[in-house]
C-alpha atoms as a PDB file:
ATOM      1  CA  MET A   1      16.284  29.536  -1.972  1.00  0.00           C
ATOM      2  CA  PRO A   2      16.088  26.056  -3.409  1.00  0.00           C
ATOM      3  CA  ALA A   3      16.331  23.223  -0.881  1.00  0.00           C
ATOM      4  CA  LYS A   4      19.593  21.607  -0.045  1.00  0.00           C
ATOM      5  CA  PRO A   5      20.122  18.298  -1.489  1.00  0.00           C
ATOM      6  CA  ALA A   6      20.274  15.545   1.530  1.00  0.00           C
ATOM      7  CA  LEU A   7      23.776  14.106   2.398  1.00  0.00           C
ATOM      8  CA  HIS A   8      23.409  10.552   0.870  1.00  0.00           C
ATOM      9  CA  LEU A   9      25.813   8.325   3.649  1.00  0.00           C
ATOM     10  CA  ALA A  10      27.880   6.967   0.771  1.00  0.00           C
ATOM     11  CA  HIS A  11      28.896   9.859   0.294  1.00  0.00           C
ATOM     12  CA  SER A  12      30.639  11.544   2.974  1.00  0.00           C
ATOM     13  CA  GLY A  13      32.931  11.339   4.448  1.00  0.00           C
ATOM     14  CA  ALA A  14      33.542  11.374   8.054  1.00  0.00           C
ATOM     15  CA  ALA A  15      29.726  10.714   8.435  1.00  0.00           C
ATOM     16  CA  ALA A  16      30.366   7.204   6.422  1.00  0.00           C
ATOM     17  CA  ARG A  17      32.729   6.306   9.153  1.00  0.00           C
ATOM     18  CA  ARG A  18      30.484   6.383  12.272  1.00  0.00           C
ATOM     19  CA  VAL A  19      28.242   4.101  10.714  1.00  0.00           C
ATOM     20  CA  THR A  20      28.896   0.473  12.365  1.00  0.00           C
ATOM     21  CA  VAL A  21      28.650  -2.172   9.575  1.00  0.00           C
ATOM     22  CA  GLU A  22      28.122  -5.928  10.222  1.00  0.00           C
ATOM     23  CA  LEU A  23      31.475  -8.421   9.049  1.00  0.00           C
ATOM     24  CA  SER A  24      30.502 -12.275   8.750  1.00  0.00           C
ATOM     25  CA  ASP A  25      32.660 -15.017   7.614  1.00  0.00           C
ATOM     26  CA  TRP A  26      35.362 -13.275   9.112  1.00  0.00           C
ATOM     27  CA  ALA A  27      39.457 -14.087   9.711  1.00  0.00           C
ATOM     28  CA  VAL A  28      41.802 -12.347  11.130  1.00  0.00           C
ATOM     29  CA  GLY A  29      45.267 -11.947   8.459  1.00  0.00           C
ATOM     30  CA  ASP A  30      48.268  -9.478   8.413  1.00  0.00           C
ATOM     31  CA  ASN A  31      49.516  -7.755   5.909  1.00  0.00           C
ATOM     32  CA  PRO A  32      51.123 -10.038   2.858  1.00  0.00           C
ATOM     33  CA  GLY A  33      55.197  -9.807   3.064  1.00  0.00           C
ATOM     34  CA  ASP A  34      55.853  -6.619   1.108  1.00  0.00           C
ATOM     35  CA  ALA A  35      59.353  -5.016   1.866  1.00  0.00           C
ATOM     36  CA  TYR A  36      57.698  -1.793   0.387  1.00  0.00           C
ATOM     37  CA  LEU A  37      54.584  -1.068   2.100  1.00  0.00           C
ATOM     38  CA  ALA A  38      54.893   1.565   5.441  1.00  0.00           C
ATOM     39  CA  PRO A  39      54.819   0.931   8.752  1.00  0.00           C
ATOM     40  CA  GLU A  40      52.169   2.068   9.292  1.00  0.00           C
ATOM     41  CA  HIS A  41      49.702   0.067   6.764  1.00  0.00           C
ATOM     42  CA  ARG A  42      50.874  -3.305   8.142  1.00  0.00           C
ATOM     43  CA  GLY A  43      49.356  -4.938  11.017  1.00  0.00           C
ATOM     44  CA  ILE A  44      46.133  -7.036  11.082  1.00  0.00           C
ATOM     45  CA  ARG A  45      43.216  -6.975   8.998  1.00  0.00           C
ATOM     46  CA  LEU A  46      40.107  -8.779   8.569  1.00  0.00           C
ATOM     47  CA  SER A  47      38.505 -10.362   5.567  1.00  0.00           C
ATOM     48  CA  GLY A  48      35.121 -10.901   5.511  1.00  0.00           C
ATOM     49  CA  ARG A  49      31.799 -10.277   3.440  1.00  0.00           C
ATOM     50  CA  VAL A  50      30.779  -7.168   4.771  1.00  0.00           C
ATOM     51  CA  LYS A  51      26.697  -5.866   5.583  1.00  0.00           C
ATOM     52  CA  GLY A  52      25.655  -2.398   5.674  1.00  0.00           C
ATOM     53  CA  HIS A  53      29.111  -0.802   4.464  1.00  0.00           C
ATOM     54  CA  PRO A  54      28.358   2.464   3.043  1.00  0.00           C
ATOM     55  CA  LYS A  55      31.178   1.964   0.030  1.00  0.00           C
ATOM     56  CA  HIS A  56      30.086  -2.018  -0.932  1.00  0.00           C
ATOM     57  CA  HIS A  57      27.075  -3.951  -1.675  1.00  0.00           C
ATOM     58  CA  ASP A  58      26.279  -6.025   0.730  1.00  0.00           C
ATOM     59  CA  GLY A  59      28.220  -9.885   0.183  1.00  0.00           C
ATOM     60  CA  LYS A  60      30.975  -8.336  -1.013  1.00  0.00           C
ATOM     61  CA  LEU A  61      34.234  -9.871  -0.200  1.00  0.00           C
ATOM     62  CA  VAL A  62      36.438  -7.131   1.658  1.00  0.00           C
ATOM     63  CA  VAL A  63      40.233  -6.899   3.803  1.00  0.00           C
ATOM     64  CA  THR A  64      39.667  -3.530   6.025  1.00  0.00           C
ATOM     65  CA  SER A  65      42.918  -0.961   7.101  1.00  0.00           C
ATOM     66  CA  PRO A  66      45.094  -2.151   9.813  1.00  0.00           C
ATOM     67  CA  VAL A  67      42.722  -3.254  13.247  1.00  0.00           C
ATOM     68  CA  ARG A  68      43.663  -0.229  15.984  1.00  0.00           C
ATOM     69  CA  SER A  69      41.353  -0.962  18.760  1.00  0.00           C
ATOM     70  CA  VAL A  70      38.959  -4.120  19.981  1.00  0.00           C
ATOM     71  CA  ALA A  71      36.001  -3.793  22.457  1.00  0.00           C
ATOM     72  CA  GLY A  72      34.551  -7.545  22.609  1.00  0.00           C
ATOM     73  CA  ARG A  73      33.493  -7.978  19.101  1.00  0.00           C
ATOM     74  CA  THR A  74      33.460  -4.532  17.479  1.00  0.00           C
ATOM     75  CA  VAL A  75      36.802  -3.702  15.896  1.00  0.00           C
ATOM     76  CA  ARG A  76      38.046  -0.367  14.989  1.00  0.00           C
ATOM     77  CA  THR A  77      40.526   0.251  11.926  1.00  0.00           C
ATOM     78  CA  ALA A  78      43.199   2.554  10.927  1.00  0.00           C
ATOM     79  CA  SER A  79      40.707   4.482   8.232  1.00  0.00           C
ATOM     80  CA  GLY A  80      38.124   5.037  11.071  1.00  0.00           C
ATOM     81  CA  SER A  81      34.896   2.233  10.168  1.00  0.00           C
ATOM     82  CA  THR A  82      34.139   0.376  13.058  1.00  0.00           C
ATOM     83  CA  TYR A  83      32.860  -3.956  12.486  1.00  0.00           C
ATOM     84  CA  LEU A  84      30.601  -6.097  14.472  1.00  0.00           C
ATOM     85  CA  LEU A  85      31.921  -9.282  14.038  1.00  0.00           C
ATOM     86  CA  VAL A  86      28.740 -11.634  12.955  1.00  0.00           C
ATOM     87  CA  GLY A  87      28.589 -14.886  13.347  1.00  0.00           C
ATOM     88  CA  GLU A  88      31.747 -17.762  13.226  1.00  0.00           C
ATOM     89  CA  PRO A  89      34.361 -17.168  11.484  1.00  0.00           C
ATOM     90  CA  GLU A  90      35.441 -18.221   7.885  1.00  0.00           C
ATOM     91  CA  PRO A  91      36.293 -22.383   8.676  1.00  0.00           C
ATOM     92  CA  GLY A  92      39.645 -22.166   7.475  1.00  0.00           C
ATOM     93  CA  TYR A  93      40.263 -19.099  10.008  1.00  0.00           C
ATOM     94  CA  LEU A  94      38.548 -21.843  13.018  1.00  0.00           C
ATOM     95  CA  GLU A  95      41.032 -24.672  11.394  1.00  0.00           C
ATOM     96  CA  TYR A  96      44.221 -22.043  11.530  1.00  0.00           C
ATOM     97  CA  LEU A  97      43.593 -21.509  15.321  1.00  0.00           C
ATOM     98  CA  GLN A  98      43.186 -24.833  16.058  1.00  0.00           C
ATOM     99  CA  SER A  99      46.605 -25.484  13.932  1.00  0.00           C
ATOM    100  CA  CYS A 100      48.143 -23.311  16.427  1.00  0.00           C
ATOM    101  CA  GLY A 101      47.284 -24.694  19.142  1.00  0.00           C
ATOM    102  CA  ARG A 102      44.375 -21.421  19.867  1.00  0.00           C
ATOM    103  CA  THR A 103      41.430 -21.519  20.754  1.00  0.00           C
ATOM    104  CA  TYR A 104      38.184 -19.273  19.739  1.00  0.00           C
ATOM    105  CA  ASP A 105      36.443 -17.327  21.790  1.00  0.00           C
ATOM    106  CA  PRO A 106      33.810 -16.373  21.030  1.00  0.00           C
ATOM    107  CA  VAL A 107      32.564 -13.321  23.442  1.00  0.00           C
ATOM    108  CA  GLU A 108      36.587 -11.578  22.229  1.00  0.00           C
ATOM    109  CA  PRO A 109      37.415 -13.305  19.372  1.00  0.00           C
ATOM    110  CA  ILE A 110      40.239 -11.157  18.970  1.00  0.00           C
ATOM    111  CA  LYS A 111      42.627 -10.410  21.413  1.00  0.00           C
ATOM    112  CA  LEU A 112      45.586  -7.498  20.242  1.00  0.00           C
ATOM    113  CA  ILE A 113      48.489  -6.078  22.264  1.00  0.00           C
ATOM    114  CA  GLY A 114      50.299  -3.233  21.090  1.00  0.00           C
ATOM    115  CA  GLY A 115      48.481  -3.394  17.610  1.00  0.00           C
ATOM    116  CA  ARG A 116      49.384  -7.106  17.018  1.00  0.00           C
ATOM    117  CA  ARG A 117      47.534  -9.984  16.897  1.00  0.00           C
ATOM    118  CA  ARG A 118      47.989 -12.869  20.725  1.00  0.00           C
ATOM    119  CA  GLY A 119      46.990 -16.094  21.977  1.00  0.00           C
END
Protein backbone atom coordinates (compact mmCIF):
# COMPACT_ATOMS: atom_id res chain seq x y z
CA MET A 1 0.00 0.00 0.00
CA PRO A 2 1.55 3.35 -1.02
CA ALA A 3 2.24 5.90 1.70
CA LYS A 4 -0.22 8.76 2.01
CA PRO A 5 1.17 12.13 0.89
CA ALA A 6 2.00 14.57 3.66
CA LEU A 7 -0.65 17.17 4.39
CA HIS A 8 0.59 20.59 3.30
CA LEU A 9 -0.93 23.40 5.29
CA ALA A 10 -1.06 25.75 2.31
CA HIS A 11 -3.47 23.39 0.57
CA SER A 12 -5.63 22.38 3.50
CA GLY A 13 -8.44 24.97 3.81
CA ALA A 14 -9.71 24.46 7.38
CA ALA A 15 -6.28 23.52 8.74
CA ALA A 16 -4.81 26.67 7.23
CA ARG A 17 -7.29 28.74 9.23
CA ARG A 18 -5.90 27.35 12.49
CA VAL A 19 -2.56 29.08 11.93
CA THR A 20 -2.06 32.43 13.63
CA VAL A 21 -0.53 34.78 11.08
CA GLU A 22 1.59 37.73 12.19
CA LEU A 23 0.56 41.09 10.77
CA SER A 24 3.04 43.99 10.93
CA ASP A 25 2.84 47.59 9.70
CA TRP A 26 -0.88 47.15 10.14
CA ALA A 27 -3.80 49.55 9.91
CA VAL A 28 -7.56 49.40 10.37
CA GLY A 29 -9.95 50.53 7.67
CA ASP A 30 -13.37 49.86 6.30
CA ASN A 31 -14.49 48.81 2.90
CA PRO A 32 -14.59 51.48 0.23
CA GLY A 33 -18.08 52.67 -0.67
CA ASP A 34 -19.09 49.89 -3.03
CA ALA A 35 -22.86 50.11 -3.35
CA TYR A 36 -22.98 46.60 -4.81
CA LEU A 37 -21.05 44.90 -2.01
CA ALA A 38 -23.15 42.43 -0.04
CA PRO A 39 -23.66 43.43 3.62
CA GLU A 40 -21.85 40.34 4.91
CA HIS A 41 -18.71 41.54 3.14
CA ARG A 42 -18.77 45.02 4.66
CA GLY A 43 -17.14 46.01 7.90
CA ILE A 44 -13.72 46.87 9.19
CA ARG A 45 -10.67 45.15 7.79
CA LEU A 46 -6.99 45.08 8.55
CA SER A 47 -4.19 45.76 6.15
CA GLY A 48 -0.56 44.96 6.75
CA ARG A 49 2.40 42.72 5.96
CA VAL A 50 1.95 39.03 6.71
CA LYS A 51 4.37 36.51 8.15
CA GLY A 52 3.53 32.83 8.32
CA HIS A 53 0.47 32.99 6.06
CA PRO A 54 -0.20 29.68 4.31
CA LYS A 55 -1.10 31.34 0.99
CA HIS A 56 1.06 34.49 0.87
CA HIS A 57 4.82 35.00 1.04
CA ASP A 58 6.27 36.73 4.09
CA GLY A 59 6.19 40.51 3.74
CA LYS A 60 3.28 40.60 1.29
CA LEU A 61 0.86 43.47 1.86
CA VAL A 62 -2.67 42.11 2.30
CA VAL A 63 -6.16 43.28 3.23
CA THR A 64 -8.11 40.87 5.42
CA SER A 65 -11.71 39.81 5.24
CA PRO A 66 -13.96 41.69 7.71
CA VAL A 67 -12.98 41.51 11.39
CA ARG A 68 -15.33 39.37 13.48
CA SER A 69 -13.68 39.32 16.91
CA VAL A 70 -10.78 40.84 18.77
CA ALA A 71 -9.02 39.70 21.95
CA GLY A 72 -6.16 42.00 22.82
CA ARG A 73 -3.84 41.90 19.80
CA THR A 74 -5.39 38.73 18.32
CA VAL A 75 -7.95 39.25 15.56
CA ARG A 76 -10.23 36.70 13.89
CA THR A 77 -11.72 37.51 10.49
CA ALA A 78 -14.84 36.38 8.66
CA SER A 79 -12.81 33.89 6.63
CA GLY A 80 -11.73 32.16 9.86
CA SER A 81 -8.15 33.45 9.73
CA THR A 82 -6.46 34.54 12.95
CA TYR A 83 -3.97 37.40 12.96
CA LEU A 84 -1.61 38.58 15.68
CA LEU A 85 -0.86 42.29 15.48
CA VAL A 86 2.89 42.67 15.96
CA GLY A 87 4.76 45.89 16.55
CA GLU A 88 3.33 49.33 16.06
CA PRO A 89 0.69 50.15 13.46
CA GLU A 90 1.57 51.77 10.17
CA PRO A 91 2.58 55.42 10.87
CA GLY A 92 -0.20 56.84 8.70
CA TYR A 93 -2.77 55.01 10.81
CA LEU A 94 -1.34 56.51 14.00
CA GLU A 95 -1.56 59.96 12.38
CA TYR A 96 -5.17 59.25 11.43
CA LEU A 97 -6.05 58.27 15.01
CA GLN A 98 -4.42 61.41 16.33
CA SER A 99 -6.29 63.60 13.82
CA CYS A 100 -9.60 62.08 15.01
CA GLY A 101 -8.76 62.63 18.67
CA ARG A 102 -8.46 58.91 19.34
CA THR A 103 -5.70 57.40 21.41
CA TYR A 104 -3.74 54.31 20.47
CA ASP A 105 -3.89 51.53 23.06
CA PRO A 106 -1.00 49.08 22.46
CA VAL A 107 -2.63 46.39 24.64
CA GLU A 108 -6.07 46.53 22.97
CA PRO A 109 -5.45 48.41 19.73
CA ILE A 110 -8.81 47.56 18.11
CA LYS A 111 -12.10 47.95 19.91
CA LEU A 112 -15.31 46.64 18.36
CA ILE A 113 -18.98 47.13 19.10
CA GLY A 114 -21.20 44.86 17.06
CA GLY A 115 -18.49 44.34 14.44
CA ARG A 116 -17.78 48.06 14.08
CA ARG A 117 -14.75 49.96 15.33
CA ARG A 118 -15.25 52.23 18.32
CA GLY A 119 -13.21 55.09 19.82
